[in-house]
C-alpha atoms as a PDB file:
ATOM      1  CA  UNK A   1     104.772  85.330 -35.226  1.00  0.00           C
ATOM      2  CA  UNK A   2     104.909  86.780 -38.747  1.00  0.00           C
ATOM      3  CA  UNK A   3     101.517  86.228 -40.383  1.00  0.00           C
ATOM      4  CA  UNK A   4     102.317  88.153 -43.538  1.00  0.00           C
ATOM      5  CA  UNK A   5     103.915  85.168 -45.304  1.00  0.00           C
ATOM      6  CA  UNK A   6     102.235  83.560 -48.258  1.00  0.00           C
ATOM      7  CA  UNK A   7     100.498  80.252 -47.668  1.00  0.00           C
ATOM      8  CA  UNK A   8     100.522  77.972 -50.699  1.00  0.00           C
ATOM      9  CA  UNK A   9      99.583  74.445 -51.764  1.00  0.00           C
ATOM     10  CA  UNK A  10     102.294  71.969 -50.926  1.00  0.00           C
ATOM     11  CA  UNK A  11     103.995  74.024 -48.236  1.00  0.00           C
ATOM     12  CA  UNK A  12     105.104  72.034 -45.174  1.00  0.00           C
ATOM     13  CA  UNK A  13     102.235  71.876 -42.713  1.00  0.00           C
ATOM     14  CA  UNK A  14     104.638  72.673 -39.852  1.00  0.00           C
ATOM     15  CA  UNK A  15     105.496  75.996 -41.532  1.00  0.00           C
ATOM     16  CA  UNK A  16     101.919  77.282 -41.428  1.00  0.00           C
ATOM     17  CA  UNK A  17     101.588  80.228 -39.089  1.00  0.00           C
ATOM     18  CA  UNK A  18      98.142  81.295 -37.989  1.00  0.00           C
ATOM     19  CA  UNK A  19      96.587  82.737 -34.843  1.00  0.00           C
ATOM     20  CA  UNK A  20      93.852  80.087 -35.157  1.00  0.00           C
ATOM     21  CA  UNK A  21      94.322  76.636 -33.641  1.00  0.00           C
ATOM     22  CA  UNK A  22      94.478  73.513 -35.772  1.00  0.00           C
ATOM     23  CA  UNK A  23      91.328  71.415 -35.553  1.00  0.00           C
ATOM     24  CA  UNK A  24      90.544  67.787 -36.278  1.00  0.00           C
ATOM     25  CA  UNK A  25      87.370  65.750 -36.066  1.00  0.00           C
ATOM     26  CA  UNK A  26      86.612  64.267 -32.672  1.00  0.00           C
ATOM     27  CA  UNK A  27      86.067  60.891 -34.352  1.00  0.00           C
ATOM     28  CA  UNK A  28      89.671  60.834 -35.595  1.00  0.00           C
ATOM     29  CA  UNK A  29      91.292  61.668 -32.278  1.00  0.00           C
ATOM     30  CA  UNK A  30      93.074  58.743 -30.682  1.00  0.00           C
ATOM     31  CA  UNK A  31      92.808  56.626 -33.824  1.00  0.00           C
ATOM     32  CA  UNK A  32      95.917  57.931 -35.543  1.00  0.00           C
ATOM     33  CA  UNK A  33      93.831  58.913 -38.579  1.00  0.00           C
ATOM     34  CA  UNK A  34      93.967  62.676 -38.297  1.00  0.00           C
ATOM     35  CA  UNK A  35      92.966  64.974 -41.109  1.00  0.00           C
ATOM     36  CA  UNK A  36      93.606  68.392 -39.626  1.00  0.00           C
ATOM     37  CA  UNK A  37      92.304  71.781 -40.753  1.00  0.00           C
ATOM     38  CA  UNK A  38      93.516  75.239 -39.829  1.00  0.00           C
ATOM     39  CA  UNK A  39      91.997  78.586 -40.692  1.00  0.00           C
ATOM     40  CA  UNK A  40      94.464  81.042 -42.171  1.00  0.00           C
ATOM     41  CA  UNK A  41      94.469  84.793 -41.469  1.00  0.00           C
ATOM     42  CA  UNK A  42      93.111  85.572 -44.960  1.00  0.00           C
ATOM     43  CA  UNK A  43      90.086  83.252 -44.496  1.00  0.00           C
ATOM     44  CA  UNK A  44      91.402  80.312 -46.484  1.00  0.00           C
ATOM     45  CA  UNK A  45      91.762  76.895 -44.839  1.00  0.00           C
ATOM     46  CA  UNK A  46      94.823  74.613 -44.792  1.00  0.00           C
ATOM     47  CA  UNK A  47      94.232  70.855 -44.704  1.00  0.00           C
ATOM     48  CA  UNK A  48      96.985  68.449 -43.712  1.00  0.00           C
ATOM     49  CA  UNK A  49      97.803  65.118 -42.136  1.00  0.00           C
ATOM     50  CA  UNK A  50      98.772  65.691 -38.510  1.00  0.00           C
ATOM     51  CA  UNK A  51     100.779  62.439 -38.507  1.00  0.00           C
ATOM     52  CA  UNK A  52     103.149  64.088 -40.993  1.00  0.00           C
ATOM     53  CA  UNK A  53     103.730  67.684 -39.817  1.00  0.00           C
ATOM     54  CA  UNK A  54     106.547  68.175 -42.304  1.00  0.00           C
ATOM     55  CA  UNK A  55     104.334  66.941 -45.100  1.00  0.00           C
ATOM     56  CA  UNK A  56     102.416  69.106 -47.543  1.00  0.00           C
ATOM     57  CA  UNK A  57      99.318  71.123 -46.788  1.00  0.00           C
ATOM     58  CA  UNK A  58      96.562  71.882 -49.264  1.00  0.00           C
ATOM     59  CA  UNK A  59      95.164  75.406 -49.075  1.00  0.00           C
ATOM     60  CA  UNK A  60      91.530  76.014 -50.029  1.00  0.00           C
ATOM     61  CA  UNK A  61      89.381  79.120 -50.349  1.00  0.00           C
ATOM     62  CA  UNK A  62      86.253  79.488 -48.239  1.00  0.00           C
ATOM     63  CA  UNK A  63      83.951  78.741 -51.228  1.00  0.00           C
ATOM     64  CA  UNK A  64      85.955  75.574 -51.967  1.00  0.00           C
ATOM     65  CA  UNK A  65      85.627  74.380 -48.360  1.00  0.00           C
ATOM     66  CA  UNK A  66      81.916  75.278 -48.340  1.00  0.00           C
ATOM     67  CA  UNK A  67      81.348  73.217 -51.518  1.00  0.00           C
ATOM     68  CA  UNK A  68      83.263  70.234 -50.127  1.00  0.00           C
ATOM     69  CA  UNK A  69      81.426  70.313 -46.792  1.00  0.00           C
ATOM     70  CA  UNK A  70      78.089  70.548 -48.591  1.00  0.00           C
ATOM     71  CA  UNK A  71      78.982  67.506 -50.697  1.00  0.00           C
ATOM     72  CA  UNK A  72      80.151  65.565 -47.642  1.00  0.00           C
ATOM     73  CA  UNK A  73      76.917  66.341 -45.782  1.00  0.00           C
ATOM     74  CA  UNK A  74      74.943  65.131 -48.812  1.00  0.00           C
ATOM     75  CA  UNK A  75      77.000  61.902 -48.872  1.00  0.00           C
ATOM     76  CA  UNK A  76      78.309  62.696 -52.381  1.00  0.00           C
ATOM     77  CA  UNK A  77      81.702  61.137 -51.607  1.00  0.00           C
ATOM     78  CA  UNK A  78      80.499  57.985 -49.851  1.00  0.00           C
ATOM     79  CA  UNK A  79      81.162  55.911 -52.980  1.00  0.00           C
ATOM     80  CA  UNK A  80      84.882  56.536 -52.436  1.00  0.00           C
ATOM     81  CA  UNK A  81      84.704  54.518 -49.213  1.00  0.00           C
ATOM     82  CA  UNK A  82      83.276  51.317 -50.698  1.00  0.00           C
END
């Protein structure tokens, strides 16, 4: 596995190579609603829809993921669900 390749926004999720396993929330498993995340070798995180492995991935830095998780924990995005 060649891990030296560049990971970029919009690359096919299936093309992401990383020694770290993909991970999705337990709540989404079995429901067909799978937002999947995968740590990349350089510390960034790829986010993609596991139902569409050829679809695009979004790649975020650790500070970007930290900010999003903080907002999610503080329910800052709950208004998007109503």
